[in-house]
């Protein structure tokens, strides 16, 4: 037979246990709650978080996607014969160059 211990709890907690345990004994109910909580924590750990490497790969991928988009946007504008006369074109060109530099840095790390 399993060793038994006494657990002293607040009267309000005891009332909630009695209202929700149904046909389970106190021990069965507490075991159920503890097991359920531990399962939830395992699920949260597995599915709601990314590790440092996963986040780094995501950031590198997003920078590459943005760089490709800017490159396409700029080259498409040039192919249509648009001259780079405004500040927007110059800003995009600078961002593209900056992304190219930061992309090279992240590949080395």
PDB file of N, CA and C in Angstrom:
ATOM      1  N   UNK A   1       0.834  -1.181   0.000  1.00  0.00           N
ATOM      2  CA  UNK A   1       0.000   0.000   0.000  1.00  0.00           C
ATOM      3  C   UNK A   1       0.880   1.246   0.000  1.00  0.00           C
ATOM      4  N   UNK A   2       0.464   2.286  -0.731  1.00  0.00           N
ATOM      5  CA  UNK A   2       1.248   3.503  -0.863  1.00  0.00           C
ATOM      6  C   UNK A   2       1.238   4.303   0.435  1.00  0.00           C
ATOM      7  N   UNK A   3       2.345   4.966   0.678  1.00  0.00           N
ATOM      8  CA  UNK A   3       2.451   5.814   1.860  1.00  0.00           C
ATOM      9  C   UNK A   3       1.502   6.999   1.702  1.00  0.00           C
ATOM     10  N   UNK A   4       0.845   7.375   2.785  1.00  0.00           N
ATOM     11  CA  UNK A   4      -0.109   8.478   2.737  1.00  0.00           C
ATOM     12  C   UNK A   4       0.428   9.644   3.535  1.00  0.00           C
ATOM     13  N   UNK A   5       0.136  10.842   3.039  1.00  0.00           N
ATOM     14  CA  UNK A   5       0.542  12.082   3.705  1.00  0.00           C
ATOM     15  C   UNK A   5      -0.670  12.996   3.796  1.00  0.00           C
ATOM     16  N   UNK A   6      -0.596  13.947   4.683  1.00  0.00           N
ATOM     17  CA  UNK A   6      -1.669  14.916   4.845  1.00  0.00           C
ATOM     18  C   UNK A   6      -1.271  16.215   4.150  1.00  0.00           C
ATOM     19  N   UNK A   7      -2.232  16.806   3.458  1.00  0.00           N
ATOM     20  CA  UNK A   7      -1.998  18.064   2.763  1.00  0.00           C
ATOM     21  C   UNK A   7      -2.979  19.084   3.319  1.00  0.00           C
ATOM     22  N   UNK A   8      -2.477  20.160   3.836  1.00  0.00           N
ATOM     23  CA  UNK A   8      -3.334  21.208   4.394  1.00  0.00           C
ATOM     24  C   UNK A   8      -3.487  22.288   3.334  1.00  0.00           C
ATOM     25  N   UNK A   9      -4.744  22.568   2.980  1.00  0.00           N
ATOM     26  CA  UNK A   9      -5.027  23.569   1.948  1.00  0.00           C
ATOM     27  C   UNK A   9      -6.060  24.558   2.462  1.00  0.00           C
ATOM     28  N   UNK A  10      -6.150  25.671   1.836  1.00  0.00           N
ATOM     29  CA  UNK A  10      -7.112  26.714   2.143  1.00  0.00           C
ATOM     30  C   UNK A  10      -8.527  26.164   1.942  1.00  0.00           C
ATOM     31  N   UNK A  11      -9.472  26.616   2.734  1.00  0.00           N
ATOM     32  CA  UNK A  11     -10.862  26.138   2.651  1.00  0.00           C
ATOM     33  C   UNK A  11     -11.457  26.429   1.276  1.00  0.00           C
ATOM     34  N   UNK A  12     -11.111  27.545   0.670  1.00  0.00           N
ATOM     35  CA  UNK A  12     -11.626  27.898  -0.658  1.00  0.00           C
ATOM     36  C   UNK A  12     -11.113  26.907  -1.703  1.00  0.00           C
ATOM     37  N   UNK A  13      -9.857  26.522  -1.591  1.00  0.00           N
ATOM     38  CA  UNK A  13      -9.278  25.540  -2.518  1.00  0.00           C
ATOM     39  C   UNK A  13      -9.975  24.199  -2.333  1.00  0.00           C
ATOM     40  N   UNK A  14     -10.210  23.808  -1.090  1.00  0.00           N
ATOM     41  CA  UNK A  14     -10.899  22.541  -0.817  1.00  0.00           C
ATOM     42  C   UNK A  14     -12.302  22.556  -1.429  1.00  0.00           C
ATOM     43  N   UNK A  15     -12.989  23.695  -1.353  1.00  0.00           N
ATOM     44  CA  UNK A  15     -14.327  23.819  -1.944  1.00  0.00           C
ATOM     45  C   UNK A  15     -14.259  23.649  -3.459  1.00  0.00           C
ATOM     46  N   UNK A  16     -13.269  24.280  -4.092  1.00  0.00           N
ATOM     47  CA  UNK A  16     -13.114  24.149  -5.551  1.00  0.00           C
ATOM     48  C   UNK A  16     -12.808  22.716  -5.952  1.00  0.00           C
ATOM     49  N   UNK A  17     -11.972  22.042  -5.156  1.00  0.00           N
ATOM     50  CA  UNK A  17     -11.646  20.641  -5.430  1.00  0.00           C
ATOM     51  C   UNK A  17     -12.919  19.807  -5.357  1.00  0.00           C
ATOM     52  N   UNK A  18     -13.694  19.997  -4.287  1.00  0.00           N
ATOM     53  CA  UNK A  18     -14.929  19.224  -4.124  1.00  0.00           C
ATOM     54  C   UNK A  18     -15.909  19.476  -5.264  1.00  0.00           C
ATOM     55  N   UNK A  19     -15.980  20.716  -5.744  1.00  0.00           N
ATOM     56  CA  UNK A  19     -16.913  21.052  -6.825  1.00  0.00           C
ATOM     57  C   UNK A  19     -16.504  20.440  -8.165  1.00  0.00           C
ATOM     58  N   UNK A  20     -15.213  20.169  -8.336  1.00  0.00           N
ATOM     59  CA  UNK A  20     -14.718  19.767  -9.650  1.00  0.00           C
ATOM     60  C   UNK A  20     -14.184  18.347  -9.760  1.00  0.00           C
ATOM     61  N   UNK A  21     -14.021  17.629  -8.673  1.00  0.00           N
ATOM     62  CA  UNK A  21     -13.376  16.320  -8.747  1.00  0.00           C
ATOM     63  C   UNK A  21     -14.318  15.202  -9.163  1.00  0.00           C
ATOM     64  N   UNK A  22     -15.608  15.449  -9.134  1.00  0.00           N
ATOM     65  CA  UNK A  22     -16.564  14.428  -9.544  1.00  0.00           C
ATOM     66  C   UNK A  22     -16.431  13.181  -8.690  1.00  0.00           C
ATOM     67  N   UNK A  23     -16.282  12.001  -9.336  1.00  0.00           N
ATOM     68  CA  UNK A  23     -16.174  10.726  -8.632  1.00  0.00           C
ATOM     69  C   UNK A  23     -14.740  10.393  -8.228  1.00  0.00           C
ATOM     70  N   UNK A  24     -13.785  11.246  -8.578  1.00  0.00           N
ATOM     71  CA  UNK A  24     -12.387  10.976  -8.245  1.00  0.00           C
ATOM     72  C   UNK A  24     -12.135  11.224  -6.765  1.00  0.00           C
ATOM     73  N   UNK A  25     -11.195  10.454  -6.227  1.00  0.00           N
ATOM     74  CA  UNK A  25     -10.751  10.741  -4.856  1.00  0.00           C
ATOM     75  C   UNK A  25      -9.869  11.989  -4.902  1.00  0.00           C
ATOM     76  N   UNK A  26      -9.578  12.513  -3.715  1.00  0.00           N
ATOM     77  CA  UNK A  26      -8.692  13.680  -3.676  1.00  0.00           C
ATOM     78  C   UNK A  26      -7.350  13.361  -4.327  1.00  0.00           C
ATOM     79  N   UNK A  27      -6.786  12.211  -4.026  1.00  0.00           N
ATOM     80  CA  UNK A  27      -5.489  11.832  -4.590  1.00  0.00           C
ATOM     81  C   UNK A  27      -5.557  11.712  -6.108  1.00  0.00           C
ATOM     82  N   UNK A  28      -6.595  11.070  -6.598  1.00  0.00           N
ATOM     83  CA  UNK A  28      -6.747  10.929  -8.052  1.00  0.00           C
ATOM     84  C   UNK A  28      -6.885  12.295  -8.723  1.00  0.00           C
ATOM     85  N   UNK A  29      -7.657  13.163  -8.096  1.00  0.00           N
ATOM     86  CA  UNK A  29      -7.875  14.494  -8.670  1.00  0.00           C
ATOM     87  C   UNK A  29      -6.578  15.301  -8.705  1.00  0.00           C
ATOM     88  N   UNK A  30      -5.827  15.290  -7.594  1.00  0.00           N
ATOM     89  CA  UNK A  30      -4.560  16.029  -7.574  1.00  0.00           C
ATOM     90  C   UNK A  30      -3.560  15.442  -8.569  1.00  0.00           C
ATOM     91  N   UNK A  31      -3.508  14.132  -8.669  1.00  0.00           N
ATOM     92  CA  UNK A  31      -2.641  13.505  -9.671  1.00  0.00           C
ATOM     93  C   UNK A  31      -3.035  13.927 -11.077  1.00  0.00           C
ATOM     94  N   UNK A  32      -4.343  13.931 -11.333  1.00  0.00           N
ATOM     95  CA  UNK A  32      -4.850  14.353 -12.638  1.00  0.00           C
ATOM     96  C   UNK A  32      -4.423  15.784 -12.958  1.00  0.00           C
ATOM     97  N   UNK A  33      -4.622  16.690 -11.990  1.00  0.00           N
ATOM     98  CA  UNK A  33      -4.259  18.097 -12.212  1.00  0.00           C
ATOM     99  C   UNK A  33      -2.763  18.277 -12.439  1.00  0.00           C
ATOM    100  N   UNK A  34      -1.971  17.590 -11.657  1.00  0.00           N
ATOM    101  CA  UNK A  34      -0.518  17.708 -11.796  1.00  0.00           C
ATOM    102  C   UNK A  34      -0.062  17.164 -13.150  1.00  0.00           C
ATOM    103  N   UNK A  35      -0.549  15.981 -13.515  1.00  0.00           N
ATOM    104  CA  UNK A  35      -0.178  15.402 -14.811  1.00  0.00           C
ATOM    105  C   UNK A  35      -0.600  16.308 -15.958  1.00  0.00           C
ATOM    106  N   UNK A  36      -1.792  16.841 -15.869  1.00  0.00           N
ATOM    107  CA  UNK A  36      -2.316  17.726 -16.922  1.00  0.00           C
ATOM    108  C   UNK A  36      -1.452  18.973 -17.060  1.00  0.00           C
ATOM    109  N   UNK A  37      -1.083  19.562 -15.929  1.00  0.00           N
ATOM    110  CA  UNK A  37      -0.246  20.768 -15.949  1.00  0.00           C
ATOM    111  C   UNK A  37       1.121  20.470 -16.560  1.00  0.00           C
ATOM    112  N   UNK A  38       1.709  19.353 -16.204  1.00  0.00           N
ATOM    113  CA  UNK A  38       3.015  18.999 -16.748  1.00  0.00           C
ATOM    114  C   UNK A  38       2.942  18.745 -18.249  1.00  0.00           C
ATOM    115  N   UNK A  39       1.857  18.127 -18.712  1.00  0.00           N
ATOM    116  CA  UNK A  39       1.675  17.911 -20.150  1.00  0.00           C
ATOM    117  C   UNK A  39       1.569  19.236 -20.886  1.00  0.00           C
ATOM    118  N   UNK A  40       0.822  20.180 -20.316  1.00  0.00           N
ATOM    119  CA  UNK A  40       0.664  21.502 -20.942  1.00  0.00           C
ATOM    120  C   UNK A  40       2.000  22.217 -21.031  1.00  0.00           C
ATOM    121  N   UNK A  41       2.813  22.134 -19.973  1.00  0.00           N
ATOM    122  CA  UNK A  41       4.119  22.785 -19.994  1.00  0.00           C
ATOM    123  C   UNK A  41       5.011  22.176 -21.060  1.00  0.00           C
ATOM    124  N   UNK A  42       4.941  20.835 -21.227  1.00  0.00           N
ATOM    125  CA  UNK A  42       5.733  20.180 -22.268  1.00  0.00           C
ATOM    126  C   UNK A  42       5.284  20.643 -23.646  1.00  0.00           C
ATOM    127  N   UNK A  43       3.974  20.753 -23.872  1.00  0.00           N
ATOM    128  CA  UNK A  43       3.454  21.192 -25.164  1.00  0.00           C
ATOM    129  C   UNK A  43       3.882  22.624 -25.454  1.00  0.00           C
ATOM    130  N   UNK A  44       3.802  23.501 -24.450  1.00  0.00           N
ATOM    131  CA  UNK A  44       4.213  24.889 -24.652  1.00  0.00           C
ATOM    132  C   UNK A  44       5.688  24.962 -24.988  1.00  0.00           C
ATOM    133  N   UNK A  45       6.490  24.171 -24.308  1.00  0.00           N
ATOM    134  CA  UNK A  45       7.930  24.196 -24.559  1.00  0.00           C
ATOM    135  C   UNK A  45       8.257  23.726 -25.967  1.00  0.00           C
ATOM    136  N   UNK A  46       7.532  22.726 -26.433  1.00  0.00           N
ATOM    137  CA  UNK A  46       7.821  22.170 -27.747  1.00  0.00           C
ATOM    138  C   UNK A  46       7.332  23.043 -28.889  1.00  0.00           C
ATOM    139  N   UNK A  47       6.249  23.789 -28.708  1.00  0.00           N
ATOM    140  CA  UNK A  47       5.605  24.422 -29.848  1.00  0.00           C
ATOM    141  C   UNK A  47       5.590  25.945 -29.839  1.00  0.00           C
ATOM    142  N   UNK A  48       5.807  26.588 -28.715  1.00  0.00           N
ATOM    143  CA  UNK A  48       5.647  28.034 -28.677  1.00  0.00           C
ATOM    144  C   UNK A  48       6.949  28.816 -28.684  1.00  0.00           C
ATOM    145  N   UNK A  49       8.063  28.134 -28.676  1.00  0.00           N
ATOM    146  CA  UNK A  49       9.326  28.835 -28.602  1.00  0.00           C
ATOM    147  C   UNK A  49      10.278  28.343 -29.679  1.00  0.00           C
ATOM    148  N   UNK A  50      11.161  29.245 -30.084  1.00  0.00           N
ATOM    149  CA  UNK A  50      12.214  28.854 -31.008  1.00  0.00           C
ATOM    150  C   UNK A  50      13.539  29.070 -30.298  1.00  0.00           C
ATOM    151  N   UNK A  51      14.524  28.296 -30.686  1.00  0.00           N
ATOM    152  CA  UNK A  51      15.825  28.496 -30.070  1.00  0.00           C
ATOM    153  C   UNK A  51      16.592  29.572 -30.842  1.00  0.00           C
ATOM    154  N   UNK A  52      17.743  29.908 -30.335  1.00  0.00           N
ATOM    155  CA  UNK A  52      18.551  30.995 -30.900  1.00  0.00           C
ATOM    156  C   UNK A  52      18.913  30.724 -32.354  1.00  0.00           C
ATOM    157  N   UNK A  53      19.297  29.493 -32.654  1.00  0.00           N
ATOM    158  CA  UNK A  53      19.695  29.144 -34.021  1.00  0.00           C
ATOM    159  C   UNK A  53      18.517  29.259 -34.992  1.00  0.00           C
ATOM    160  N   UNK A  54      17.325  28.796 -34.578  1.00  0.00           N
ATOM    161  CA  UNK A  54      16.142  28.906 -35.437  1.00  0.00           C
ATOM    162  C   UNK A  54      15.806  30.360 -35.721  1.00  0.00           C
ATOM    163  N   UNK A  55      15.896  31.195 -34.677  1.00  0.00           N
ATOM    164  CA  UNK A  55      15.613  32.615 -34.868  1.00  0.00           C
ATOM    165  C   UNK A  55      16.646  33.254 -35.786  1.00  0.00           C
ATOM    166  N   UNK A  56      17.898  32.890 -35.616  1.00  0.00           N
ATOM    167  CA  UNK A  56      18.963  33.432 -36.462  1.00  0.00           C
ATOM    168  C   UNK A  56      18.723  33.054 -37.929  1.00  0.00           C
ATOM    169  N   UNK A  57      18.377  31.804 -38.182  1.00  0.00           N
ATOM    170  CA  UNK A  57      18.101  31.360 -39.552  1.00  0.00           C
ATOM    171  C   UNK A  57      16.904  32.110 -40.139  1.00  0.00           C
ATOM    172  N   UNK A  58      15.876  32.352 -39.321  1.00  0.00           N
ATOM    173  CA  UNK A  58      14.714  33.111 -39.770  1.00  0.00           C
ATOM    174  C   UNK A  58      15.125  34.535 -40.143  1.00  0.00           C
ATOM    175  N   UNK A  59      15.922  35.185 -39.293  1.00  0.00           N
ATOM    176  CA  UNK A  59      16.360  36.557 -39.558  1.00  0.00           C
ATOM    177  C   UNK A  59      17.188  36.628 -40.836  1.00  0.00           C
ATOM    178  N   UNK A  60      18.090  35.678 -41.023  1.00  0.00           N
ATOM    179  CA  UNK A  60      18.912  35.649 -42.242  1.00  0.00           C
ATOM    180  C   UNK A  60      18.014  35.472 -43.471  1.00  0.00           C
ATOM    181  N   UNK A  61      17.047  34.570 -43.368  1.00  0.00           N
ATOM    182  CA  UNK A  61      16.126  34.336 -44.482  1.00  0.00           C
ATOM    183  C   UNK A  61      15.296  35.570 -44.815  1.00  0.00           C
ATOM    184  N   UNK A  62      14.838  36.283 -43.784  1.00  0.00           N
ATOM    185  CA  UNK A  62      14.041  37.489 -44.020  1.00  0.00           C
ATOM    186  C   UNK A  62      14.885  38.590 -44.668  1.00  0.00           C
ATOM    187  N   UNK A  63      16.125  38.743 -44.213  1.00  0.00           N
ATOM    188  CA  UNK A  63      17.007  39.743 -44.828  1.00  0.00           C
ATOM    189  C   UNK A  63      17.268  39.403 -46.292  1.00  0.00           C
ATOM    190  N   UNK A  64      17.476  38.129 -46.574  1.00  0.00           N
ATOM    191  CA  UNK A  64      17.715  37.695 -47.951  1.00  0.00           C
ATOM    192  C   UNK A  64      16.479  37.947 -48.816  1.00  0.00           C
ATOM    193  N   UNK A  65      15.310  37.651 -48.276  1.00  0.00           N
ATOM    194  CA  UNK A  65      14.065  37.903 -48.999  1.00  0.00           C
ATOM    195  C   UNK A  65      13.888  39.395 -49.283  1.00  0.00           C
ATOM    196  N   UNK A  66      14.137  40.233 -48.293  1.00  0.00           N
ATOM    197  CA  UNK A  66      14.023  41.676 -48.478  1.00  0.00           C
ATOM    198  C   UNK A  66      15.043  42.174 -49.497  1.00  0.00           C
ATOM    199  N   UNK A  67      16.258  41.665 -49.404  1.00  0.00           N
ATOM    200  CA  UNK A  67      17.301  42.072 -50.350  1.00  0.00           C
ATOM    201  C   UNK A  67      16.904  41.689 -51.774  1.00  0.00           C
ATOM    202  N   UNK A  68      16.390  40.470 -51.952  1.00  0.00           N
ATOM    203  CA  UNK A  68      15.951  40.027 -53.279  1.00  0.00           C
ATOM    204  C   UNK A  68      14.800  40.878 -53.797  1.00  0.00           C
ATOM    205  N   UNK A  69      13.879  41.223 -52.916  1.00  0.00           N
ATOM    206  CA  UNK A  69      12.758  42.061 -53.326  1.00  0.00           C
ATOM    207  C   UNK A  69      13.235  43.440 -53.761  1.00  0.00           C
ATOM    208  N   UNK A  70      14.114  44.049 -52.947  1.00  0.00           N
ATOM    209  CA  UNK A  70      14.630  45.373 -53.307  1.00  0.00           C
ATOM    210  C   UNK A  70      15.423  45.317 -54.614  1.00  0.00           C
ATOM    211  N   UNK A  71      16.216  44.272 -54.762  1.00  0.00           N
ATOM    212  CA  UNK A  71      16.999  44.105 -55.978  1.00  0.00           C
ATOM    213  C   UNK A  71      16.081  43.999 -57.203  1.00  0.00           C
ATOM    214  N   UNK A  72      15.030  43.200 -57.074  1.00  0.00           N
ATOM    215  CA  UNK A  72      14.066  43.061 -58.163  1.00  0.00           C
ATOM    216  C   UNK A  72      13.380  44.396 -58.456  1.00  0.00           C
ATOM    217  N   UNK A  73      12.942  45.061 -57.405  1.00  0.00           N
ATOM    218  CA  UNK A  73      12.236  46.334 -57.549  1.00  0.00           C
ATOM    219  C   UNK A  73      13.112  47.366 -58.261  1.00  0.00           C
ATOM    220  N   UNK A  74      14.373  47.450 -57.829  1.00  0.00           N
ATOM    221  CA  UNK A  74      15.269  48.427 -58.443  1.00  0.00           C
ATOM    222  C   UNK A  74      15.588  48.063 -59.893  1.00  0.00           C
ATOM    223  N   UNK A  75      15.886  46.794 -60.158  1.00  0.00           N
ATOM    224  CA  UNK A  75      16.232  46.397 -61.527  1.00  0.00           C
ATOM    225  C   UNK A  75      15.021  46.508 -62.440  1.00  0.00           C
ATOM    226  N   UNK A  76      13.824  46.227 -61.950  1.00  0.00           N
ATOM    227  CA  UNK A  76      12.609  46.345 -62.746  1.00  0.00           C
ATOM    228  C   UNK A  76      12.387  47.804 -63.134  1.00  0.00           C
ATOM    229  N   UNK A  77      12.614  48.709 -62.183  1.00  0.00           N
ATOM    230  CA  UNK A  77      12.469  50.138 -62.482  1.00  0.00           C
ATOM    231  C   UNK A  77      13.473  50.592 -63.519  1.00  0.00           C
ATOM    232  N   UNK A  78      14.694  50.104 -63.448  1.00  0.00           N
ATOM    233  CA  UNK A  78      15.713  50.492 -64.416  1.00  0.00           C
ATOM    234  C   UNK A  78      15.394  49.929 -65.799  1.00  0.00           C
ATOM    235  N   UNK A  79      14.864  48.703 -65.853  1.00  0.00           N
ATOM    236  CA  UNK A  79      14.517  48.100 -67.141  1.00  0.00           C
ATOM    237  C   UNK A  79      13.394  48.860 -67.832  1.00  0.00           C
ATOM    238  N   UNK A  80      12.511  49.479 -67.052  1.00  0.00           N
ATOM    239  CA  UNK A  80      11.423  50.257 -67.638  1.00  0.00           C
ATOM    240  C   UNK A  80      11.899  51.629 -68.104  1.00  0.00           C
ATOM    241  N   UNK A  81      13.176  51.911 -67.882  1.00  0.00           N
ATOM    242  CA  UNK A  81      13.736  53.165 -68.349  1.00  0.00           C
ATOM    243  C   UNK A  81      13.591  54.304 -67.366  1.00  0.00           C
ATOM    244  N   UNK A  82      13.192  54.008 -66.160  1.00  0.00           N
ATOM    245  CA  UNK A  82      13.057  55.058 -65.150  1.00  0.00           C
ATOM    246  C   UNK A  82      14.449  55.444 -64.663  1.00  0.00           C
ATOM    247  N   UNK A  83      14.679  56.712 -64.639  1.00  0.00           N
ATOM    248  CA  UNK A  83      15.968  57.214 -64.182  1.00  0.00           C
ATOM    249  C   UNK A  83      15.940  57.419 -62.664  1.00  0.00           C
ATOM    250  N   UNK A  84      17.010  57.047 -61.991  1.00  0.00           N
ATOM    251  CA  UNK A  84      17.073  57.205 -60.533  1.00  0.00           C
ATOM    252  C   UNK A  84      17.270  58.664 -60.133  1.00  0.00           C
ATOM    253  N   UNK A  85      16.162  59.434 -60.164  1.00  0.00           N
ATOM    254  CA  UNK A  85      16.274  60.860 -59.900  1.00  0.00           C
ATOM    255  C   UNK A  85      15.780  61.258 -58.504  1.00  0.00           C
ATOM    256  N   UNK A  86      14.945  60.458 -57.907  1.00  0.00           N
ATOM    257  CA  UNK A  86      14.389  60.900 -56.628  1.00  0.00           C
ATOM    258  C   UNK A  86      15.105  60.266 -55.436  1.00  0.00           C
ATOM    259  N   UNK A  87      14.799  60.774 -54.246  1.00  0.00           N
ATOM    260  CA  UNK A  87      15.450  60.293 -53.024  1.00  0.00           C
ATOM    261  C   UNK A  87      15.045  58.859 -52.698  1.00  0.00           C
ATOM    262  N   UNK A  88      13.841  58.456 -53.051  1.00  0.00           N
ATOM    263  CA  UNK A  88      13.362  57.108 -52.740  1.00  0.00           C
ATOM    264  C   UNK A  88      14.264  56.060 -53.377  1.00  0.00           C
ATOM    265  N   UNK A  89      14.604  56.261 -54.644  1.00  0.00           N
ATOM    266  CA  UNK A  89      15.479  55.315 -55.345  1.00  0.00           C
ATOM    267  C   UNK A  89      16.833  55.243 -54.642  1.00  0.00           C
ATOM    268  N   UNK A  90      17.365  56.392 -54.289  1.00  0.00           N
ATOM    269  CA  UNK A  90      18.669  56.435 -53.620  1.00  0.00           C
ATOM    270  C   UNK A  90      18.612  55.729 -52.258  1.00  0.00           C
ATOM    271  N   UNK A  91      17.524  55.952 -51.500  1.00  0.00           N
ATOM    272  CA  UNK A  91      17.369  55.302 -50.195  1.00  0.00           C
ATOM    273  C   UNK A  91      17.277  53.784 -50.355  1.00  0.00           C
ATOM    274  N   UNK A  92      16.513  53.338 -51.342  1.00  0.00           N
ATOM    275  CA  UNK A  92      16.379  51.898 -51.574  1.00  0.00           C
ATOM    276  C   UNK A  92      17.718  51.292 -51.976  1.00  0.00           C
ATOM    277  N   UNK A  93      18.454  51.990 -52.779  1.00  0.00           N
ATOM    278  CA  UNK A  93      19.764  51.504 -53.199  1.00  0.00           C
ATOM    279  C   UNK A  93      20.703  51.375 -51.996  1.00  0.00           C
ATOM    280  N   UNK A  94      20.663  52.357 -51.109  1.00  0.00           N
ATOM    281  CA  UNK A  94      21.507  52.295 -49.907  1.00  0.00           C
ATOM    282  C   UNK A  94      21.085  51.143 -48.998  1.00  0.00           C
ATOM    283  N   UNK A  95      19.768  50.930 -48.869  1.00  0.00           N
ATOM    284  CA  UNK A  95      19.278  49.817 -48.050  1.00  0.00           C
ATOM    285  C   UNK A  95      19.714  48.481 -48.640  1.00  0.00           C
ATOM    286  N   UNK A  96      19.668  48.391 -49.957  1.00  0.00           N
ATOM    287  CA  UNK A  96      20.085  47.162 -50.621  1.00  0.00           C
ATOM    288  C   UNK A  96      21.560  46.888 -50.347  1.00  0.00           C
ATOM    289  N   UNK A  97      22.378  47.923 -50.433  1.00  0.00           N
ATOM    290  CA  UNK A  97      23.807  47.754 -50.156  1.00  0.00           C
ATOM    291  C   UNK A  97      24.037  47.365 -48.697  1.00  0.00           C
ATOM    292  N   UNK A  98      23.280  47.978 -47.775  1.00  0.00           N
ATOM    293  CA  UNK A  98      23.420  47.659 -46.352  1.00  0.00           C
ATOM    294  C   UNK A  98      22.995  46.221 -46.081  1.00  0.00           C
ATOM    295  N   UNK A  99      21.926  45.775 -46.723  1.00  0.00           N
ATOM    296  CA  UNK A  99      21.480  44.390 -46.539  1.00  0.00           C
ATOM    297  C   UNK A  99      22.502  43.413 -47.099  1.00  0.00           C
ATOM    298  N   UNK A 100      23.126  43.781 -48.184  1.00  0.00           N
ATOM    299  CA  UNK A 100      24.161  42.920 -48.752  1.00  0.00           C
ATOM    300  C   UNK A 100      25.328  42.769 -47.801  1.00  0.00           C
ATOM    301  N   UNK A 101      25.703  43.859 -47.145  1.00  0.00           N
ATOM    302  CA  UNK A 101      26.805  43.806 -46.177  1.00  0.00           C
ATOM    303  C   UNK A 101      26.414  42.996 -44.949  1.00  0.00           C
ATOM    304  N   UNK A 102      25.185  43.217 -44.412  1.00  0.00           N
ATOM    305  CA  UNK A 102      24.784  42.489 -43.201  1.00  0.00           C
ATOM    306  C   UNK A 102      24.573  41.014 -43.515  1.00  0.00           C
ATOM    307  N   UNK A 103      24.148  40.692 -44.731  1.00  0.00           N
ATOM    308  CA  UNK A 103      23.988  39.289 -45.126  1.00  0.00           C
ATOM    309  C   UNK A 103      25.314  38.570 -45.153  1.00  0.00           C
ATOM    310  N   UNK A 104      26.364  39.271 -45.605  1.00  0.00           N
ATOM    311  CA  UNK A 104      27.688  38.658 -45.628  1.00  0.00           C
ATOM    312  C   UNK A 104      28.219  38.441 -44.225  1.00  0.00           C
ATOM    313  N   UNK A 105      27.923  39.360 -43.307  1.00  0.00           N
ATOM    314  CA  UNK A 105      28.387  39.213 -41.938  1.00  0.00           C
ATOM    315  C   UNK A 105      27.737  38.018 -41.265  1.00  0.00           C
ATOM    316  N   UNK A 106      26.425  37.844 -41.493  1.00  0.00           N
ATOM    317  CA  UNK A 106      25.716  36.744 -40.817  1.00  0.00           C
ATOM    318  C   UNK A 106      26.146  35.397 -41.358  1.00  0.00           C
ATOM    319  N   UNK A 107      26.588  35.329 -42.600  1.00  0.00           N
ATOM    320  CA  UNK A 107      27.026  34.044 -43.152  1.00  0.00           C
ATOM    321  C   UNK A 107      28.322  33.591 -42.532  1.00  0.00           C
ATOM    322  N   UNK A 108      29.140  34.547 -42.082  1.00  0.00           N
ATOM    323  CA  UNK A 108      30.423  34.206 -41.483  1.00  0.00           C
ATOM    324  C   UNK A 108      30.283  33.777 -40.042  1.00  0.00           C
ATOM    325  N   UNK A 109      29.173  34.092 -39.375  1.00  0.00           N
ATOM    326  CA  UNK A 109      29.002  33.800 -37.938  1.00  0.00           C
ATOM    327  C   UNK A 109      28.450  32.463 -37.712  1.00  0.00           C
TER     328      UNK A 109
END
